[in-house]
């Protein structure tokens, strides 16, 4: 299916892989999971971003909204429309109907690819082909596992499998892919080679979010204690011995207060004066809400998608949803569609076929408007009865009863040449004579 014959995958080394036995009897603790993140998730920047709930939730929403829509191969028609290619009509359509590789479903594969494109504006998947150059598997990679190498005008991608799971998926410790066998989806491209990472572009927003989260964590980890000083009220100074004794006592009392919430009793006119800002004075709640808005703006996700409904009204949600689909989801989906076509289809096939995620499945549907739309299409003869039933999830009627369409009686049905195929029924004139009456019967009666 490709016009150029090249080796699809070039193993850089054929080392003997040691079999690693792992006991799955015990669950991974949070400390072990945090250690795993540190060793296996690309960089510290990615780790810091993932620790921010708003950033991670935005990327989750984008990935899920694209992954839930079905990826199909479509064929261009002469009238400017397109049709879905059935799995039995083209090998790639059959490939889309099965699974991308032996480990993942298409939903899982798409979600991982979109997640990394959202994090770093770069997503990678290697193509394993058979001897006839047909795609067998698509293997997704973490961004940090891929290194680009240039030779002349050719680009090669060196992939290192860092964990036993990645080695089992790839089938080797490392591989080198030619650019024609690497699906490299780029977003926000500046240098013509790689996408400009969201983590770099939005560093200020993410650093602010990290600072807010850090302040909140330290505040609650210290049980809401505020930093401050002790001062003596009234006249007179505290002598050195009394001062040293009081300082020692207060240090012990503050430790006991922090550990066991024991009350601190002050004496000798000593008072506690806070020197740290209080959360209410800093408007921490407003700052946290604004940080969510800034993160959503960075990733072009409306706040209501991450369940932040401040200022959102029900009548505005539909408009916000349409803008989100049209301005955020569709451009992202098109990057993947075009890259799939460039790598998986030959030049000749690309003139006829193309990939497309189902746009309707991305949109939050209004059931009432969807019903009205189906009703209008059915009454105007645009779809058959069985097609209308399929839109509502119903099975076709038995014995072909639903393979008919409704045509309004007051409309002419014409072909492309303008010839009338079915004439419209004429309107009956109330003054016209009945069929069994002579033409002048009514006139005589009226006279």
Protein backbone atom coordinates (compact mmCIF):
# COMPACT_ATOMS: atom_id res chain seq x y z
CA UNK A 1 0.00 0.00 0.00
CA UNK A 2 3.03 2.25 -0.15
CA UNK A 3 4.67 3.61 -3.27
CA UNK A 4 8.19 3.31 -1.82
CA UNK A 5 9.80 0.05 -0.77
CA UNK A 6 11.87 0.47 2.36
CA UNK A 7 12.60 -1.48 5.47
CA UNK A 8 9.88 -0.63 7.93
CA UNK A 9 11.71 -1.30 11.19
CA UNK A 10 15.48 -1.49 11.67
CA UNK A 11 16.55 -3.13 14.94
CA UNK A 12 19.63 -1.36 16.30
CA UNK A 13 20.73 -4.36 18.29
CA UNK A 14 19.66 -7.92 18.83
CA UNK A 15 20.59 -8.43 22.46
CA UNK A 16 19.22 -11.28 24.50
CA UNK A 17 16.39 -9.94 26.63
CA UNK A 18 16.27 -11.27 30.17
CA UNK A 19 12.89 -12.49 31.28
CA UNK A 20 11.73 -10.46 34.26
CA UNK A 21 9.40 -12.19 36.67
CA UNK A 22 7.08 -9.94 38.63
CA UNK A 23 4.72 -10.85 41.42
CA UNK A 24 1.35 -9.15 40.91
CA UNK A 25 0.01 -10.34 44.25
CA UNK A 26 0.61 -7.07 46.13
CA UNK A 27 -0.64 -3.66 45.08
CA UNK A 28 1.74 -0.82 44.32
CA UNK A 29 1.88 1.70 47.16
CA UNK A 30 1.66 5.45 46.55
CA UNK A 31 5.37 5.78 47.35
CA UNK A 32 6.20 3.09 44.78
CA UNK A 33 3.90 4.75 42.27
CA UNK A 34 5.56 8.14 42.82
CA UNK A 35 8.95 6.49 42.34
CA UNK A 36 7.68 4.86 39.14
CA UNK A 37 6.52 8.26 37.87
CA UNK A 38 9.93 9.74 38.58
CA UNK A 39 11.70 7.00 36.65
CA UNK A 40 9.34 6.55 33.71
CA UNK A 41 7.45 9.76 32.98
CA UNK A 42 9.49 11.88 30.57
CA UNK A 43 10.83 14.74 32.68
CA UNK A 44 10.38 16.69 35.89
CA UNK A 45 8.30 19.22 33.97
CA UNK A 46 5.78 16.56 33.01
CA UNK A 47 5.67 15.28 36.59
CA UNK A 48 5.04 18.76 38.01
CA UNK A 49 2.27 19.38 35.48
CA UNK A 50 0.58 16.06 36.20
CA UNK A 51 0.50 16.92 39.90
CA UNK A 52 -1.76 19.89 39.10
CA UNK A 53 -5.31 18.60 38.99
CA UNK A 54 -6.59 21.27 36.57
CA UNK A 55 -3.87 20.59 33.98
CA UNK A 56 -4.25 16.82 34.15
CA UNK A 57 -8.05 16.99 34.07
CA UNK A 58 -8.04 19.29 31.01
CA UNK A 59 -5.82 16.88 29.09
CA UNK A 60 -7.95 13.94 30.25
CA UNK A 61 -11.09 15.65 28.93
CA UNK A 62 -9.54 16.44 25.54
CA UNK A 63 -8.18 12.90 25.18
CA UNK A 64 -11.47 11.25 26.17
CA UNK A 65 -13.58 13.49 23.93
CA UNK A 66 -11.49 12.62 20.86
CA UNK A 67 -11.06 8.95 21.81
CA UNK A 68 -14.81 8.43 22.22
CA UNK A 69 -15.39 9.39 18.57
CA UNK A 70 -14.96 6.60 16.03
CA UNK A 71 -12.04 6.80 13.58
CA UNK A 72 -13.18 5.74 10.11
CA UNK A 73 -11.78 5.50 6.60
CA UNK A 74 -13.93 7.47 4.16
CA UNK A 75 -14.06 7.60 0.37
CA UNK A 76 -14.54 10.81 -1.60
CA UNK A 77 -17.56 10.81 -3.93
CA UNK A 78 -18.00 12.68 -7.21
CA UNK A 79 -20.79 14.86 -5.83
CA UNK A 80 -18.48 16.34 -3.18
CA UNK A 81 -19.68 14.12 -0.33
CA UNK A 82 -18.04 11.04 1.18
CA UNK A 83 -19.05 7.61 2.37
CA UNK A 84 -17.77 5.25 5.07
CA UNK A 85 -15.57 2.48 3.67
CA UNK A 86 -16.64 -0.93 4.99
CA UNK A 87 -14.01 -3.14 6.68
CA UNK A 88 -14.23 -5.69 3.86
CA UNK A 89 -13.64 -3.09 1.14
CA UNK A 90 -10.14 -1.89 2.09
CA UNK A 91 -7.34 -3.37 4.27
CA UNK A 92 -6.97 -0.15 6.28
CA UNK A 93 -10.72 -0.05 6.97
CA UNK A 94 -10.41 -3.62 8.26
CA UNK A 95 -7.42 -2.56 10.38
CA UNK A 96 -9.50 0.21 11.97
CA UNK A 97 -12.30 -2.26 12.71
CA UNK A 98 -9.97 -4.51 14.75
CA UNK A 99 -7.21 -3.13 17.01
CA UNK A 100 -4.02 -1.04 16.61
CA UNK A 101 -1.78 -3.62 18.30
CA UNK A 102 -1.95 -6.75 20.40
CA UNK A 103 -2.18 -4.79 23.69
CA UNK A 104 -4.53 -1.86 23.06
CA UNK A 105 -7.95 -1.01 21.74
CA UNK A 106 -8.39 1.98 19.44
CA UNK A 107 -9.89 3.97 22.31
CA UNK A 108 -6.84 3.34 24.52
CA UNK A 109 -4.42 4.03 21.69
CA UNK A 110 -6.08 7.31 20.74
CA UNK A 111 -6.35 8.48 24.34
CA UNK A 112 -2.63 7.93 24.97
CA UNK A 113 -1.64 9.67 21.73
CA UNK A 114 -3.85 12.70 22.43
CA UNK A 115 -2.64 12.90 26.04
CA UNK A 116 0.99 13.22 24.98
CA UNK A 117 0.08 15.69 22.24
CA UNK A 118 -1.71 17.72 24.91
CA UNK A 119 1.24 17.53 27.34
CA UNK A 120 4.16 18.15 24.97
CA UNK A 121 2.57 18.99 21.56
CA UNK A 122 4.28 15.86 20.19
CA UNK A 123 2.83 12.34 19.92
CA UNK A 124 4.62 9.30 18.49
CA UNK A 125 3.52 5.89 17.23
CA UNK A 126 5.71 3.47 15.29
CA UNK A 127 4.32 1.37 12.42
CA UNK A 128 5.22 -2.31 12.18
CA UNK A 129 4.62 -3.67 8.67
CA UNK A 130 4.50 -7.09 7.02
CA UNK A 131 6.49 -8.20 3.97
CA UNK A 132 3.94 -6.65 1.60
CA UNK A 133 4.30 -3.30 3.38
CA UNK A 134 0.84 -3.41 4.95
CA UNK A 135 0.55 -2.02 8.52
CA UNK A 136 0.36 -4.73 11.16
CA UNK A 137 0.56 -2.73 14.39
CA UNK A 138 0.77 0.85 15.66
CA UNK A 139 2.92 1.15 18.80
CA UNK A 140 2.46 4.37 20.86
CA UNK A 141 5.49 5.81 22.68
CA UNK A 142 6.09 8.26 25.47
CA UNK A 143 7.59 11.47 24.15
CA UNK A 144 10.68 11.09 26.31
CA UNK A 145 11.48 7.67 24.82
CA UNK A 146 11.97 9.00 21.28
CA UNK A 147 15.10 10.69 19.91
CA UNK A 148 15.36 12.12 16.42
CA UNK A 149 18.41 11.59 14.21
CA UNK A 150 19.07 13.36 10.91
CA UNK A 151 20.90 11.94 7.90
CA UNK A 152 20.76 14.25 4.90
CA UNK A 153 17.09 15.03 4.38
CA UNK A 154 15.96 11.82 6.06
CA UNK A 155 14.80 11.65 9.66
CA UNK A 156 15.13 8.54 11.81
CA UNK A 157 13.49 8.03 15.19
CA UNK A 158 15.44 6.06 17.79
CA UNK A 159 13.09 4.54 20.38
CA UNK A 160 14.26 3.06 23.68
CA UNK A 161 11.91 0.83 25.68
CA UNK A 162 12.63 1.79 29.28
CA UNK A 163 10.32 -0.63 31.10
CA UNK A 164 9.46 -4.28 30.73
CA UNK A 165 5.94 -3.29 29.64
CA UNK A 166 7.35 -1.17 26.82
CA UNK A 167 9.76 -3.94 25.81
CA UNK A 168 6.89 -6.43 25.66
CA UNK A 169 4.90 -4.03 23.47
CA UNK A 170 7.78 -3.14 21.15
CA UNK A 171 9.35 -6.60 21.10
CA UNK A 172 12.88 -5.25 21.59
CA UNK A 173 14.96 -3.07 23.87
CA UNK A 174 15.32 -0.41 21.18
CA UNK A 175 14.37 0.18 17.54
CA UNK A 176 14.99 2.76 14.86
CA UNK A 177 12.11 3.86 12.64
CA UNK A 178 12.35 5.73 9.35
CA UNK A 179 10.11 8.79 9.23
CA UNK A 180 7.71 7.05 6.82
CA UNK A 181 7.07 4.48 9.57
CA UNK A 182 6.66 6.92 12.45
CA UNK A 183 3.39 8.73 13.09
CA UNK A 184 4.68 12.00 14.55
CA UNK A 185 1.80 14.35 15.35
CA UNK A 186 3.01 17.90 15.96
CA UNK A 187 1.14 20.80 17.46
CA UNK A 188 2.24 24.44 17.73
CA UNK A 189 5.17 23.79 15.37
CA UNK A 190 7.77 26.57 15.27
CA UNK A 191 10.94 25.11 13.74
CA UNK A 192 9.26 22.90 11.14
CA UNK A 193 10.37 19.76 12.95
CA UNK A 194 8.82 19.43 16.40
CA UNK A 195 5.89 20.83 18.32
CA UNK A 196 6.49 23.59 20.86
CA UNK A 197 5.62 21.92 24.15
CA UNK A 198 2.64 23.18 26.14
CA UNK A 199 4.73 22.70 29.28
CA UNK A 200 7.23 25.22 27.94
CA UNK A 201 4.71 27.63 26.43
CA UNK A 202 2.65 27.71 29.63
CA UNK A 203 5.50 27.61 32.13
CA UNK A 204 4.40 30.79 33.94
CA UNK A 205 0.84 29.51 34.38
CA UNK A 206 2.04 26.13 35.62
CA UNK A 207 4.61 27.69 37.98
CA UNK A 208 1.90 29.89 39.49
CA UNK A 209 -0.33 26.87 39.95
CA UNK A 210 2.51 24.98 41.58
CA UNK A 211 3.10 27.87 44.00
CA UNK A 212 -0.60 28.04 44.93
CA UNK A 213 -0.74 24.28 45.47
CA UNK A 214 2.47 24.44 47.52
CA UNK A 215 1.08 27.17 49.78
CA UNK A 216 -2.14 25.27 50.30
CA UNK A 217 -0.25 22.06 51.05
CA UNK A 218 2.02 23.71 53.60
CA UNK A 219 -0.95 25.48 55.18
CA UNK A 220 -2.88 22.27 55.78
CA UNK A 221 0.18 20.19 56.63
CA UNK A 222 0.88 22.59 59.50
CA UNK A 223 -2.74 22.32 60.64
CA UNK A 224 -3.53 25.90 59.73
CA UNK A 225 -0.88 27.46 61.96
CA UNK A 226 0.27 30.94 61.06
CA UNK A 227 3.84 32.08 61.51
CA UNK A 228 4.33 34.86 64.00
CA UNK A 229 6.31 36.33 66.88
CA UNK A 230 5.78 36.72 70.62
CA UNK A 231 6.03 40.20 72.10
CA UNK A 232 5.69 41.66 75.57
CA UNK A 233 2.86 44.10 76.05
CA UNK A 234 3.13 46.99 78.44
CA UNK A 235 6.17 48.81 79.72
CA UNK A 236 9.41 47.33 80.83
CA UNK A 237 11.86 44.96 79.22
CA UNK A 238 12.40 41.30 79.86
CA UNK A 239 15.75 40.51 81.44
CA UNK A 240 18.10 38.07 79.74
CA UNK A 241 17.45 35.09 82.03
CA UNK A 242 13.68 35.48 81.79
CA UNK A 243 13.96 35.90 78.03
CA UNK A 244 15.98 32.68 77.61
CA UNK A 245 13.59 30.80 79.88
CA UNK A 246 10.53 32.05 77.98
CA UNK A 247 12.08 31.22 74.60
CA UNK A 248 12.86 27.68 75.72
CA UNK A 249 9.39 27.21 77.16
CA UNK A 250 7.64 28.61 74.07
CA UNK A 251 9.68 26.37 71.78
CA UNK A 252 8.59 23.30 73.75
CA UNK A 253 4.98 24.46 73.96
CA UNK A 254 4.77 25.14 70.20
CA UNK A 255 6.12 21.66 69.45
CA UNK A 256 3.53 20.14 71.77
CA UNK A 257 0.82 22.26 70.20
CA UNK A 258 1.76 21.10 66.72
CA UNK A 259 2.05 17.44 67.73
CA UNK A 260 -0.82 17.09 70.16
CA UNK A 261 -2.86 20.27 69.79
CA UNK A 262 -2.17 21.22 73.39
CA UNK A 263 -3.08 24.81 74.28
CA UNK A 264 -0.29 27.33 74.74
CA UNK A 265 -0.70 29.48 77.86
CA UNK A 266 1.22 32.75 77.76
CA UNK A 267 2.38 34.61 80.85
CA UNK A 268 4.14 37.79 81.83
CA UNK A 269 2.05 39.87 79.40
CA UNK A 270 3.35 37.95 76.36
CA UNK A 271 1.26 38.17 73.19
CA UNK A 272 1.37 36.34 69.86
CA UNK A 273 1.45 38.54 66.77
CA UNK A 274 0.97 36.91 63.35
CA UNK A 275 3.37 38.00 60.62
CA UNK A 276 2.07 35.71 57.85
CA UNK A 277 -0.82 36.55 55.55
CA UNK A 278 -4.07 34.80 56.25
CA UNK A 279 -5.76 32.76 53.47
CA UNK A 280 -8.81 35.05 53.55
CA UNK A 281 -6.63 38.14 53.22
CA UNK A 282 -4.85 36.58 50.25
CA UNK A 283 -8.21 35.55 48.70
CA UNK A 284 -6.86 32.04 48.23
CA UNK A 285 -10.20 30.74 46.97
CA UNK A 286 -10.36 33.36 44.22
CA UNK A 287 -6.73 32.74 43.30
CA UNK A 288 -7.37 29.02 43.04
CA UNK A 289 -10.44 29.57 40.84
CA UNK A 290 -8.53 31.98 38.61
CA UNK A 291 -5.70 29.46 38.30
CA UNK A 292 -8.20 26.88 36.99
CA UNK A 293 -9.40 29.41 34.41
CA UNK A 294 -5.82 30.19 33.35
CA UNK A 295 -5.02 26.50 32.94
CA UNK A 296 -8.20 25.92 30.93
CA UNK A 297 -7.33 28.91 28.73
CA UNK A 298 -3.84 27.50 28.15
CA UNK A 299 -5.27 24.20 26.92
CA UNK A 300 -8.32 25.78 25.20
CA UNK A 301 -10.83 23.89 27.32
CA UNK A 302 -13.95 25.64 28.71
CA UNK A 303 -13.97 25.58 32.53
CA UNK A 304 -17.28 23.72 32.72
CA UNK A 305 -15.55 20.68 31.15
CA UNK A 306 -13.45 20.34 34.31
CA UNK A 307 -16.55 20.88 36.50
CA UNK A 308 -15.72 24.51 37.30
CA UNK A 309 -19.09 26.21 36.95
CA UNK A 310 -18.36 29.66 38.37
CA UNK A 311 -20.14 32.14 36.11
CA UNK A 312 -21.47 29.40 33.83
CA UNK A 313 -25.16 29.40 32.90
CA UNK A 314 -27.16 26.57 31.41
CA UNK A 315 -28.18 28.59 28.36
CA UNK A 316 -24.51 29.31 27.58
CA UNK A 317 -23.25 25.73 27.85
CA UNK A 318 -24.35 24.70 24.36
CA UNK A 319 -22.56 27.64 22.76
CA UNK A 320 -19.43 26.97 24.82
CA UNK A 321 -19.59 23.29 23.87
CA UNK A 322 -19.79 24.10 20.14
CA UNK A 323 -16.87 26.51 20.40
CA UNK A 324 -14.86 23.87 22.28
CA UNK A 325 -15.51 21.24 19.60
CA UNK A 326 -14.88 23.59 16.68
CA UNK A 327 -11.89 25.49 18.08
CA UNK A 328 -10.13 22.82 20.14
CA UNK A 329 -11.17 19.23 19.37
CA UNK A 330 -11.52 19.39 15.58
CA UNK A 331 -8.12 21.06 14.92
CA UNK A 332 -6.45 18.49 17.16
CA UNK A 333 -8.30 15.61 15.51
CA UNK A 334 -7.34 16.88 12.05
CA UNK A 335 -3.63 16.71 12.95
CA UNK A 336 -4.02 13.01 13.69
CA UNK A 337 -6.22 12.36 10.65
CA UNK A 338 -3.77 13.94 8.21
CA UNK A 339 -0.77 12.20 9.77
CA UNK A 340 -2.51 8.81 9.68
CA UNK A 341 -3.28 9.35 6.00
CA UNK A 342 0.30 10.37 5.18
CA UNK A 343 1.85 7.33 6.87
CA UNK A 344 -0.75 4.59 6.41
CA UNK A 345 -2.03 5.37 2.89
CA UNK A 346 -0.13 5.53 -0.39
CA UNK A 347 -0.15 8.69 -2.48
CA UNK A 348 -2.65 7.13 -4.85
CA UNK A 349 -4.95 6.08 -2.00
CA UNK A 350 -4.82 9.57 -0.46
CA UNK A 351 -6.45 10.98 -3.59
CA UNK A 352 -9.44 8.77 -2.93
CA UNK A 353 -9.54 7.94 0.78
CA UNK A 354 -9.06 9.89 4.01
CA UNK A 355 -9.34 9.35 7.78
CA UNK A 356 -11.95 11.13 9.87
CA UNK A 357 -13.06 11.06 13.48
CA UNK A 358 -16.83 11.20 13.84
CA UNK A 359 -17.59 14.87 14.51
CA UNK A 360 -21.10 14.20 15.81
CA UNK A 361 -19.76 11.88 18.51
CA UNK A 362 -17.53 14.67 19.83
CA UNK A 363 -20.46 17.01 20.40
CA UNK A 364 -22.67 17.09 23.46
CA UNK A 365 -26.04 16.34 21.90
CA UNK A 366 -29.36 17.92 22.77
CA UNK A 367 -31.80 14.98 22.66
CA UNK A 368 -34.77 17.20 21.76
CA UNK A 369 -32.98 18.90 18.87
CA UNK A 370 -31.53 15.60 17.69
CA UNK A 371 -35.03 14.12 17.56
CA UNK A 372 -36.31 17.12 15.57
CA UNK A 373 -33.39 16.78 13.17
CA UNK A 374 -34.08 13.09 12.51
CA UNK A 375 -37.79 13.83 12.09
CA UNK A 376 -37.09 16.54 9.49
CA UNK A 377 -34.68 14.32 7.55
CA UNK A 378 -37.21 11.49 7.53
CA UNK A 379 -40.18 13.64 6.50
CA UNK A 380 -38.21 15.29 3.69
CA UNK A 381 -37.08 11.95 2.29
CA UNK A 382 -33.38 12.51 3.01
CA UNK A 383 -33.05 9.21 4.91
CA UNK A 384 -34.83 5.87 4.97
CA UNK A 385 -36.90 4.64 7.88
CA UNK A 386 -34.22 2.13 8.88
CA UNK A 387 -31.58 4.88 8.81
CA UNK A 388 -33.71 6.99 11.15
CA UNK A 389 -34.11 4.00 13.46
CA UNK A 390 -30.35 3.41 13.42
CA UNK A 391 -29.74 7.01 14.56
CA UNK A 392 -31.80 6.23 17.65
CA UNK A 393 -30.08 2.90 18.23
CA UNK A 394 -32.99 0.73 17.02
CA UNK A 395 -32.67 -2.37 14.86
CA UNK A 396 -33.95 -2.34 11.23
CA UNK A 397 -37.55 -3.40 10.64
CA UNK A 398 -37.95 -7.04 9.53
CA UNK A 399 -38.41 -8.12 5.91
CA UNK A 400 -37.11 -4.84 4.52
CA UNK A 401 -40.10 -2.83 5.74
CA UNK A 402 -37.82 0.06 6.71
CA UNK A 403 -36.02 0.30 3.36
CA UNK A 404 -38.36 3.04 2.18
CA UNK A 405 -38.34 6.81 2.33
CA UNK A 406 -41.14 9.32 2.75
CA UNK A 407 -41.75 11.91 0.03
CA UNK A 408 -44.11 14.87 0.67
CA UNK A 409 -47.04 14.75 -1.77
CA UNK A 410 -46.81 18.47 -2.54
CA UNK A 411 -43.25 18.25 -3.89
CA UNK A 412 -41.92 17.11 -7.26
CA UNK A 413 -39.13 14.54 -7.33
CA UNK A 414 -36.62 15.43 -10.06
CA UNK A 415 -33.39 13.80 -11.20
CA UNK A 416 -30.05 15.50 -11.81
CA UNK A 417 -31.11 16.44 -15.33
CA UNK A 418 -34.18 18.27 -14.04
CA UNK A 419 -36.69 15.69 -15.26
CA UNK A 420 -39.70 15.03 -13.04
CA UNK A 421 -39.60 11.48 -11.72
CA UNK A 422 -42.62 11.73 -9.41
CA UNK A 423 -45.06 14.60 -9.92
CA UNK A 424 -46.55 16.41 -6.96
CA UNK A 425 -50.24 15.96 -6.26
CA UNK A 426 -52.19 19.04 -7.48
CA UNK A 427 -54.28 21.03 -5.06
CA UNK A 428 -58.02 20.33 -5.37
CA UNK A 429 -60.09 23.40 -6.41
CA UNK A 430 -63.16 23.67 -4.15
CA UNK A 431 -65.14 25.14 -7.08
CA UNK A 432 -64.21 22.32 -9.43
CA UNK A 433 -67.10 19.93 -10.36
CA UNK A 434 -67.18 16.43 -8.99
CA UNK A 435 -65.99 13.74 -11.38
CA UNK A 436 -69.58 12.42 -11.90
CA UNK A 437 -71.10 15.86 -12.61
CA UNK A 438 -71.21 17.70 -15.94
CA UNK A 439 -68.93 20.69 -16.25
CA UNK A 440 -71.82 23.26 -16.01
CA UNK A 441 -73.74 21.57 -13.18
CA UNK A 442 -72.49 23.93 -10.48
CA UNK A 443 -73.06 26.98 -12.63
CA UNK A 444 -76.70 25.99 -13.23
CA UNK A 445 -77.23 25.28 -9.54
CA UNK A 446 -75.86 28.65 -8.58
CA UNK A 447 -78.10 30.37 -11.09
